[in-house]
Amino acid sequence: MSDSIIVTGGAGFIGSHVVDRLVEKGWRVHVVDDLSTGKRRNLDPAARLHVIDIRSRRLGALFRGCGRRSSSTSPLRSACAVRPMIRWPTPISTSWAL
């Protein structure tokens, strides 16, 4: 498989495991993480890390750079505190299964 996927939050505990699995399956993986809680050492060396805050305008350039070959995005994050997540929930959806 030569398709690309962008994983936001991919340097965190859960995200890095998803990245590992995608790399194993042959995906070209781009990880977007601001490293506020994630760690570089969590990443598979085959994944390309982009240290970008997801609110940054630079993120749009990454999506455009992946072009038509980018098949999917995988938004991953975990809550550092449960109370704010309950107060301001953000739906997360994916269109694929590992």
N, C-alpha and C. Protein backbone atom coordinates (compact mmCIF):
# COMPACT_ATOMS: atom_id res chain seq x y z
N MET A 1 0.85 -1.17 0.00
CA MET A 1 0.00 0.00 0.00
C MET A 1 0.89 1.23 0.00
N SER A 2 0.58 2.20 -0.83
CA SER A 2 1.41 3.41 -0.89
C SER A 2 0.63 4.66 -0.54
N ASP A 3 -0.55 4.50 -0.01
CA ASP A 3 -1.36 5.66 0.36
C ASP A 3 -0.80 6.33 1.61
N SER A 4 -1.11 7.61 1.75
CA SER A 4 -0.69 8.38 2.92
C SER A 4 -1.85 8.55 3.87
N ILE A 5 -1.51 8.70 5.13
CA ILE A 5 -2.50 9.00 6.15
C ILE A 5 -1.88 10.01 7.10
N ILE A 6 -2.70 10.93 7.58
CA ILE A 6 -2.25 11.92 8.56
C ILE A 6 -2.89 11.57 9.88
N VAL A 7 -2.07 11.37 10.90
CA VAL A 7 -2.55 11.03 12.24
C VAL A 7 -2.24 12.20 13.15
N THR A 8 -3.29 12.85 13.66
CA THR A 8 -3.06 13.93 14.61
C THR A 8 -3.00 13.33 16.01
N GLY A 9 -2.06 13.78 16.80
CA GLY A 9 -1.89 13.22 18.14
C GLY A 9 -1.14 11.90 18.10
N GLY A 10 -0.40 11.66 17.04
CA GLY A 10 0.25 10.37 16.84
C GLY A 10 1.49 10.12 17.67
N ALA A 11 1.98 11.10 18.42
CA ALA A 11 3.15 10.88 19.26
C ALA A 11 2.77 10.54 20.69
N GLY A 12 1.47 10.49 20.95
CA GLY A 12 1.00 10.11 22.28
C GLY A 12 0.97 8.60 22.44
N PHE A 13 0.55 8.15 23.60
CA PHE A 13 0.54 6.72 23.90
C PHE A 13 -0.35 5.94 22.94
N ILE A 14 -1.60 6.33 22.82
CA ILE A 14 -2.53 5.61 21.95
C ILE A 14 -2.18 5.86 20.49
N GLY A 15 -1.97 7.11 20.13
CA GLY A 15 -1.69 7.45 18.75
C GLY A 15 -0.46 6.75 18.20
N SER A 16 0.58 6.61 19.01
CA SER A 16 1.80 5.97 18.53
C SER A 16 1.56 4.49 18.24
N HIS A 17 0.68 3.85 18.99
CA HIS A 17 0.36 2.45 18.70
C HIS A 17 -0.42 2.34 17.39
N VAL A 18 -1.30 3.29 17.13
CA VAL A 18 -2.03 3.31 15.86
C VAL A 18 -1.04 3.53 14.72
N VAL A 19 -0.11 4.46 14.90
CA VAL A 19 0.91 4.72 13.88
C VAL A 19 1.72 3.46 13.61
N ASP A 20 2.13 2.76 14.66
CA ASP A 20 2.89 1.51 14.48
C ASP A 20 2.13 0.54 13.59
N ARG A 21 0.85 0.38 13.86
CA ARG A 21 0.04 -0.57 13.10
C ARG A 21 -0.11 -0.13 11.64
N LEU A 22 -0.30 1.17 11.42
CA LEU A 22 -0.42 1.68 10.05
C LEU A 22 0.87 1.47 9.27
N VAL A 23 2.02 1.73 9.91
CA VAL A 23 3.31 1.51 9.27
C VAL A 23 3.47 0.03 8.91
N GLU A 24 3.11 -0.86 9.84
CA GLU A 24 3.18 -2.30 9.58
C GLU A 24 2.34 -2.69 8.36
N LYS A 25 1.21 -2.01 8.18
CA LYS A 25 0.32 -2.33 7.06
C LYS A 25 0.73 -1.64 5.76
N GLY A 26 1.82 -0.88 5.80
CA GLY A 26 2.35 -0.29 4.58
C GLY A 26 1.92 1.13 4.27
N TRP A 27 1.25 1.79 5.20
CA TRP A 27 0.84 3.18 4.98
C TRP A 27 2.05 4.10 5.07
N ARG A 28 2.02 5.18 4.35
CA ARG A 28 2.99 6.27 4.51
C ARG A 28 2.35 7.21 5.51
N VAL A 29 2.91 7.27 6.73
CA VAL A 29 2.24 7.95 7.84
C VAL A 29 2.89 9.30 8.13
N HIS A 30 2.05 10.33 8.19
CA HIS A 30 2.45 11.66 8.62
C HIS A 30 1.80 11.89 9.97
N VAL A 31 2.60 12.22 10.96
CA VAL A 31 2.10 12.46 12.32
C VAL A 31 2.14 13.95 12.60
N VAL A 32 1.00 14.48 13.01
CA VAL A 32 0.91 15.88 13.44
C VAL A 32 0.74 15.87 14.95
N ASP A 33 1.68 16.48 15.64
CA ASP A 33 1.63 16.53 17.10
C ASP A 33 2.42 17.75 17.55
N ASP A 34 1.92 18.45 18.56
CA ASP A 34 2.66 19.61 19.08
C ASP A 34 3.62 19.20 20.20
N LEU A 35 3.64 17.92 20.53
CA LEU A 35 4.52 17.34 21.55
C LEU A 35 4.27 17.93 22.94
N SER A 36 3.06 18.47 23.16
CA SER A 36 2.75 19.00 24.50
C SER A 36 2.63 17.85 25.50
N THR A 37 2.15 16.71 25.06
CA THR A 37 2.12 15.52 25.92
C THR A 37 2.73 14.30 25.23
N GLY A 38 2.80 14.32 23.91
CA GLY A 38 3.41 13.21 23.17
C GLY A 38 4.93 13.30 23.19
N LYS A 39 5.57 12.24 22.80
CA LYS A 39 7.04 12.17 22.82
C LYS A 39 7.56 11.67 21.47
N ARG A 40 8.65 12.25 21.00
CA ARG A 40 9.29 11.80 19.76
C ARG A 40 9.68 10.33 19.86
N ARG A 41 10.13 9.91 21.00
CA ARG A 41 10.60 8.53 21.16
C ARG A 41 9.49 7.50 20.98
N ASN A 42 8.22 7.93 21.05
CA ASN A 42 7.10 7.01 20.85
C ASN A 42 6.91 6.64 19.38
N LEU A 43 7.47 7.42 18.47
CA LEU A 43 7.18 7.25 17.06
C LEU A 43 8.03 6.21 16.36
N ASP A 44 7.40 5.49 15.47
CA ASP A 44 8.11 4.59 14.56
C ASP A 44 8.99 5.46 13.66
N PRO A 45 10.25 5.08 13.44
CA PRO A 45 11.13 5.89 12.59
C PRO A 45 10.62 6.05 11.16
N ALA A 46 9.76 5.15 10.70
CA ALA A 46 9.22 5.25 9.34
C ALA A 46 8.14 6.32 9.22
N ALA A 47 7.60 6.78 10.34
CA ALA A 47 6.57 7.82 10.31
C ALA A 47 7.25 9.19 10.27
N ARG A 48 6.65 10.12 9.55
CA ARG A 48 7.21 11.47 9.47
C ARG A 48 6.48 12.37 10.45
N LEU A 49 7.23 12.96 11.38
CA LEU A 49 6.66 13.83 12.39
C LEU A 49 6.64 15.28 11.91
N HIS A 50 5.48 15.92 12.06
CA HIS A 50 5.32 17.34 11.79
C HIS A 50 4.91 17.98 13.12
N VAL A 51 5.82 18.76 13.71
CA VAL A 51 5.52 19.39 14.99
C VAL A 51 4.71 20.66 14.70
N ILE A 52 3.39 20.49 14.76
CA ILE A 52 2.45 21.55 14.41
C ILE A 52 1.28 21.49 15.39
N ASP A 53 0.87 22.64 15.88
CA ASP A 53 -0.37 22.73 16.64
C ASP A 53 -1.52 22.58 15.65
N ILE A 54 -2.53 21.81 15.97
CA ILE A 54 -3.61 21.57 15.01
C ILE A 54 -4.41 22.83 14.69
N ARG A 55 -4.21 23.89 15.47
CA ARG A 55 -4.88 25.16 15.17
C ARG A 55 -4.08 26.02 14.19
N SER A 56 -2.88 25.57 13.83
CA SER A 56 -2.00 26.34 12.98
C SER A 56 -2.45 26.33 11.52
N ARG A 57 -2.21 27.43 10.84
CA ARG A 57 -2.50 27.50 9.40
C ARG A 57 -1.56 26.59 8.61
N ARG A 58 -0.43 26.23 9.19
CA ARG A 58 0.51 25.34 8.51
C ARG A 58 -0.08 23.96 8.28
N LEU A 59 -1.08 23.60 9.06
CA LEU A 59 -1.69 22.28 8.91
C LEU A 59 -2.34 22.15 7.53
N GLY A 60 -2.95 23.21 7.04
CA GLY A 60 -3.57 23.18 5.71
C GLY A 60 -2.54 22.88 4.64
N ALA A 61 -1.34 23.43 4.77
CA ALA A 61 -0.28 23.17 3.80
C ALA A 61 0.11 21.69 3.80
N LEU A 62 0.10 21.07 4.97
CA LEU A 62 0.41 19.65 5.05
C LEU A 62 -0.64 18.83 4.30
N PHE A 63 -1.91 19.16 4.51
CA PHE A 63 -2.97 18.45 3.81
C PHE A 63 -2.84 18.63 2.30
N ARG A 64 -2.56 19.85 1.87
CA ARG A 64 -2.39 20.09 0.44
C ARG A 64 -1.15 19.37 -0.08
N GLY A 65 -0.10 19.31 0.72
CA GLY A 65 1.13 18.64 0.32
C GLY A 65 0.95 17.14 0.12
N CYS A 66 0.06 16.56 0.88
CA CYS A 66 -0.21 15.13 0.71
C CYS A 66 -1.06 14.89 -0.54
N GLY A 67 -1.77 15.92 -0.97
CA GLY A 67 -2.52 15.87 -2.21
C GLY A 67 -3.53 14.75 -2.28
N ARG A 68 -3.78 14.29 -3.47
CA ARG A 68 -4.79 13.25 -3.69
C ARG A 68 -4.37 11.89 -3.16
N ARG A 69 -3.11 11.73 -2.88
CA ARG A 69 -2.65 10.44 -2.38
C ARG A 69 -3.02 10.21 -0.92
N SER A 70 -3.39 11.28 -0.22
CA SER A 70 -3.79 11.12 1.17
C SER A 70 -5.19 10.54 1.22
N SER A 71 -5.30 9.35 1.78
CA SER A 71 -6.57 8.64 1.78
C SER A 71 -7.43 8.95 2.98
N SER A 72 -6.82 9.33 4.08
CA SER A 72 -7.60 9.46 5.29
C SER A 72 -6.86 10.29 6.31
N THR A 73 -7.58 10.71 7.33
CA THR A 73 -6.97 11.33 8.50
C THR A 73 -7.46 10.58 9.72
N SER A 74 -6.66 10.58 10.74
CA SER A 74 -7.03 9.90 11.98
C SER A 74 -6.80 10.84 13.15
N PRO A 75 -7.86 11.48 13.64
CA PRO A 75 -7.68 12.39 14.78
C PRO A 75 -7.68 11.62 16.10
N LEU A 76 -6.60 11.70 16.80
CA LEU A 76 -6.49 11.01 18.09
C LEU A 76 -6.05 12.01 19.15
N ARG A 77 -6.65 11.89 20.29
CA ARG A 77 -6.21 12.69 21.42
C ARG A 77 -6.78 12.06 22.67
N SER A 78 -6.20 12.40 23.77
CA SER A 78 -6.76 11.92 25.03
C SER A 78 -6.94 13.12 25.95
N ALA A 79 -7.80 12.96 26.89
CA ALA A 79 -8.08 14.06 27.80
C ALA A 79 -7.10 14.03 28.96
N CYS A 80 -6.48 15.17 29.23
CA CYS A 80 -5.63 15.29 30.41
C CYS A 80 -6.49 15.49 31.65
N ALA A 81 -7.65 16.07 31.44
CA ALA A 81 -8.60 16.26 32.53
C ALA A 81 -9.99 15.92 32.01
N VAL A 82 -10.73 15.16 32.76
CA VAL A 82 -12.03 14.71 32.30
C VAL A 82 -13.06 15.84 32.32
N ARG A 83 -13.04 16.68 33.32
CA ARG A 83 -14.05 17.74 33.45
C ARG A 83 -14.15 18.63 32.21
N PRO A 84 -13.03 19.16 31.66
CA PRO A 84 -13.18 19.97 30.44
C PRO A 84 -13.72 19.18 29.26
N MET A 85 -13.41 17.89 29.18
CA MET A 85 -13.90 17.08 28.07
C MET A 85 -15.40 16.87 28.18
N ILE A 86 -15.91 16.77 29.38
CA ILE A 86 -17.35 16.62 29.57
C ILE A 86 -18.05 17.93 29.26
N ARG A 87 -17.44 19.03 29.67
CA ARG A 87 -18.04 20.34 29.47
C ARG A 87 -18.04 20.74 27.99
N TRP A 88 -16.94 20.43 27.27
CA TRP A 88 -16.81 20.80 25.86
C TRP A 88 -16.46 19.58 25.02
N PRO A 89 -17.37 18.64 24.89
CA PRO A 89 -17.04 17.43 24.12
C PRO A 89 -16.86 17.73 22.63
N THR A 90 -15.92 17.07 22.03
CA THR A 90 -15.67 17.19 20.61
C THR A 90 -15.81 15.81 20.00
N PRO A 91 -16.73 15.64 19.06
CA PRO A 91 -16.88 14.31 18.46
C PRO A 91 -15.67 13.93 17.62
N ILE A 92 -15.30 12.69 17.70
CA ILE A 92 -14.20 12.16 16.91
C ILE A 92 -14.74 10.98 16.12
N SER A 93 -14.50 10.98 14.83
CA SER A 93 -14.98 9.86 14.02
C SER A 93 -13.87 9.41 13.08
N THR A 94 -13.90 8.17 12.75
CA THR A 94 -12.96 7.62 11.78
C THR A 94 -13.75 6.83 10.76
N SER A 95 -13.17 6.66 9.61
CA SER A 95 -13.86 5.96 8.54
C SER A 95 -13.17 4.65 8.18
N TRP A 96 -12.29 4.18 9.03
CA TRP A 96 -11.56 2.95 8.74
C TRP A 96 -11.30 2.19 10.01
N ALA A 97 -10.96 0.96 9.87
CA ALA A 97 -10.64 0.11 11.02
C ALA A 97 -9.27 -0.51 10.79
N LEU A 98 -8.54 -0.71 11.86
CA LEU A 98 -7.20 -1.30 11.73
C LEU A 98 -7.32 -2.79 11.72
